[in-house]
């Protein structure tokens, strides 16, 4: 049970990290690579949010069966 919650929390943290524009003080920012395009952050954030929702839904469906 706790492993499932940890996985979902990690996916949610990744989603929120990528959804919000992060700049120089945060790791893996685009400025450190010389890139200034932040649209990919939103795409990755949405993907991680969807993944967290699907994982939670799939585990809930398994639990009910």
N, C-alpha and C. Protein backbone atom coordinates (compact mmCIF):
# COMPACT_ATOMS: atom_id res chain seq x y z
N UNK A 1 0.83 -1.20 0.00
CA UNK A 1 0.00 0.00 0.00
C UNK A 1 0.86 1.26 0.00
N UNK A 2 1.86 1.32 0.84
CA UNK A 2 2.68 2.53 0.91
C UNK A 2 3.52 2.72 -0.35
N UNK A 3 3.93 1.60 -0.97
CA UNK A 3 4.70 1.71 -2.21
C UNK A 3 3.88 2.38 -3.30
N UNK A 4 2.60 2.05 -3.35
CA UNK A 4 1.72 2.63 -4.35
C UNK A 4 1.56 4.13 -4.14
N UNK A 5 1.41 4.52 -2.90
CA UNK A 5 1.26 5.94 -2.59
C UNK A 5 2.55 6.69 -2.92
N UNK A 6 3.68 6.10 -2.63
CA UNK A 6 4.97 6.74 -2.93
C UNK A 6 5.13 6.95 -4.43
N UNK A 7 4.77 5.94 -5.23
CA UNK A 7 4.88 6.07 -6.68
C UNK A 7 3.97 7.19 -7.19
N UNK A 8 2.75 7.25 -6.69
CA UNK A 8 1.82 8.29 -7.11
C UNK A 8 2.33 9.66 -6.69
N UNK A 9 2.86 9.78 -5.48
CA UNK A 9 3.40 11.07 -5.02
C UNK A 9 4.60 11.52 -5.86
N UNK A 10 5.45 10.58 -6.23
CA UNK A 10 6.60 10.92 -7.06
C UNK A 10 6.13 11.40 -8.43
N UNK A 11 5.15 10.73 -9.01
CA UNK A 11 4.61 11.17 -10.29
C UNK A 11 3.99 12.56 -10.18
N UNK A 12 3.28 12.82 -9.10
CA UNK A 12 2.67 14.13 -8.91
C UNK A 12 3.73 15.22 -8.71
N UNK A 13 4.76 14.91 -7.94
CA UNK A 13 5.85 15.89 -7.75
C UNK A 13 6.54 16.20 -9.07
N UNK A 14 6.79 15.17 -9.87
CA UNK A 14 7.39 15.40 -11.18
C UNK A 14 6.47 16.25 -12.06
N UNK A 15 5.18 15.97 -11.99
CA UNK A 15 4.22 16.73 -12.79
C UNK A 15 4.24 18.20 -12.42
N UNK A 16 4.18 18.49 -11.12
CA UNK A 16 4.16 19.88 -10.70
C UNK A 16 5.51 20.56 -10.96
N UNK A 17 6.60 19.81 -10.85
CA UNK A 17 7.91 20.37 -11.15
C UNK A 17 7.99 20.80 -12.62
N UNK A 18 7.47 19.96 -13.52
CA UNK A 18 7.54 20.28 -14.93
C UNK A 18 6.48 21.28 -15.37
N UNK A 19 5.33 21.32 -14.67
CA UNK A 19 4.28 22.25 -15.07
C UNK A 19 4.66 23.71 -14.82
N UNK A 20 5.33 23.95 -13.72
CA UNK A 20 5.72 25.32 -13.40
C UNK A 20 7.08 25.60 -14.00
N UNK A 21 7.20 26.77 -14.62
CA UNK A 21 8.49 27.14 -15.20
C UNK A 21 9.53 27.20 -14.09
N UNK A 22 10.61 26.49 -14.28
CA UNK A 22 11.68 26.56 -13.29
C UNK A 22 12.90 27.20 -13.95
N UNK A 23 13.54 28.01 -13.16
CA UNK A 23 14.64 28.80 -13.66
C UNK A 23 15.93 28.41 -12.97
N UNK A 24 16.93 29.20 -13.11
CA UNK A 24 18.31 28.90 -12.73
C UNK A 24 18.54 28.25 -11.36
N UNK A 25 17.88 28.60 -10.30
CA UNK A 25 18.21 27.93 -9.03
C UNK A 25 17.81 26.46 -8.99
N UNK A 26 16.84 26.06 -9.80
CA UNK A 26 16.37 24.68 -9.77
C UNK A 26 17.16 23.82 -10.75
N UNK A 27 17.34 22.54 -10.43
CA UNK A 27 18.12 21.67 -11.32
C UNK A 27 17.38 21.38 -12.63
N UNK A 28 18.13 21.00 -13.64
CA UNK A 28 17.62 20.63 -14.97
C UNK A 28 16.82 21.75 -15.62
N UNK A 29 17.26 22.99 -15.40
CA UNK A 29 16.56 24.09 -16.05
C UNK A 29 17.11 24.28 -17.45
N UNK A 30 16.32 24.91 -18.29
CA UNK A 30 16.72 25.08 -19.68
C UNK A 30 17.84 26.09 -19.84
N UNK A 31 17.90 27.06 -18.96
CA UNK A 31 18.95 28.07 -19.08
C UNK A 31 20.34 27.44 -18.93
N UNK A 32 20.46 26.40 -18.10
CA UNK A 32 21.77 25.78 -17.92
C UNK A 32 22.22 25.05 -19.18
N UNK A 33 21.28 24.69 -20.05
CA UNK A 33 21.60 24.02 -21.31
C UNK A 33 21.62 24.98 -22.49
N UNK A 34 21.31 26.24 -22.22
CA UNK A 34 21.28 27.23 -23.29
C UNK A 34 19.97 27.23 -24.06
N UNK A 35 18.96 26.59 -23.53
CA UNK A 35 17.65 26.56 -24.18
C UNK A 35 16.69 27.46 -23.42
N UNK A 36 15.83 28.12 -24.13
CA UNK A 36 14.90 29.03 -23.46
C UNK A 36 13.45 28.70 -23.79
N UNK A 37 13.20 27.54 -24.35
CA UNK A 37 11.85 27.12 -24.70
C UNK A 37 11.26 26.34 -23.53
N UNK A 38 10.17 26.83 -22.95
CA UNK A 38 9.58 26.18 -21.78
C UNK A 38 8.28 25.44 -22.09
N UNK A 39 7.89 25.35 -23.35
CA UNK A 39 6.65 24.66 -23.68
C UNK A 39 6.73 23.16 -23.40
N UNK A 40 7.90 22.58 -23.53
CA UNK A 40 8.04 21.14 -23.27
C UNK A 40 7.77 20.83 -21.80
N UNK A 41 7.99 21.79 -20.92
CA UNK A 41 7.71 21.58 -19.50
C UNK A 41 6.24 21.29 -19.28
N UNK A 42 5.40 22.06 -19.93
CA UNK A 42 3.96 21.86 -19.76
C UNK A 42 3.52 20.52 -20.31
N UNK A 43 4.09 20.11 -21.43
CA UNK A 43 3.75 18.81 -22.02
C UNK A 43 4.16 17.69 -21.07
N UNK A 44 5.37 17.75 -20.55
CA UNK A 44 5.83 16.72 -19.61
C UNK A 44 5.01 16.74 -18.33
N UNK A 45 4.65 17.91 -17.85
CA UNK A 45 3.83 18.00 -16.65
C UNK A 45 2.48 17.35 -16.83
N UNK A 46 1.85 17.59 -17.97
CA UNK A 46 0.55 16.96 -18.24
C UNK A 46 0.71 15.46 -18.38
N UNK A 47 1.77 15.01 -19.01
CA UNK A 47 2.01 13.57 -19.15
C UNK A 47 2.17 12.91 -17.78
N UNK A 48 2.93 13.54 -16.89
CA UNK A 48 3.10 12.97 -15.55
C UNK A 48 1.80 13.01 -14.74
N UNK A 49 0.98 14.05 -14.91
CA UNK A 49 -0.32 14.10 -14.24
C UNK A 49 -1.23 12.98 -14.73
N UNK A 50 -1.25 12.78 -16.03
CA UNK A 50 -2.07 11.69 -16.59
C UNK A 50 -1.56 10.34 -16.10
N UNK A 51 -0.24 10.18 -16.07
CA UNK A 51 0.33 8.92 -15.60
C UNK A 51 -0.04 8.65 -14.14
N UNK A 52 0.03 9.68 -13.30
CA UNK A 52 -0.35 9.51 -11.88
C UNK A 52 -1.81 9.13 -11.77
N UNK A 53 -2.67 9.76 -12.54
CA UNK A 53 -4.09 9.42 -12.52
C UNK A 53 -4.35 8.01 -13.00
N UNK A 54 -3.69 7.61 -14.06
CA UNK A 54 -3.88 6.25 -14.58
C UNK A 54 -3.38 5.19 -13.61
N UNK A 55 -2.25 5.45 -12.99
CA UNK A 55 -1.71 4.49 -12.01
C UNK A 55 -2.65 4.37 -10.83
N UNK A 56 -3.13 5.49 -10.32
CA UNK A 56 -4.06 5.46 -9.18
C UNK A 56 -5.35 4.75 -9.56
N UNK A 57 -5.87 5.03 -10.73
CA UNK A 57 -7.11 4.40 -11.18
C UNK A 57 -6.93 2.90 -11.38
N UNK A 58 -5.82 2.51 -12.00
CA UNK A 58 -5.56 1.08 -12.25
C UNK A 58 -5.42 0.32 -10.94
N UNK A 59 -4.72 0.89 -9.97
CA UNK A 59 -4.55 0.21 -8.69
C UNK A 59 -5.88 0.16 -7.92
N UNK A 60 -6.72 1.17 -8.08
CA UNK A 60 -8.01 1.16 -7.41
C UNK A 60 -8.91 0.09 -8.04
N UNK A 61 -8.87 -0.04 -9.36
CA UNK A 61 -9.67 -1.06 -10.04
C UNK A 61 -9.20 -2.44 -9.62
N UNK A 62 -7.90 -2.66 -9.53
CA UNK A 62 -7.37 -3.97 -9.09
C UNK A 62 -7.81 -4.28 -7.67
N UNK A 63 -7.82 -3.27 -6.82
CA UNK A 63 -8.19 -3.47 -5.41
C UNK A 63 -9.66 -3.87 -5.29
N UNK A 64 -10.52 -3.31 -6.14
CA UNK A 64 -11.94 -3.61 -6.07
C UNK A 64 -12.28 -4.99 -6.63
N UNK A 65 -11.44 -5.56 -7.46
CA UNK A 65 -11.71 -6.90 -8.03
C UNK A 65 -11.34 -8.00 -7.12
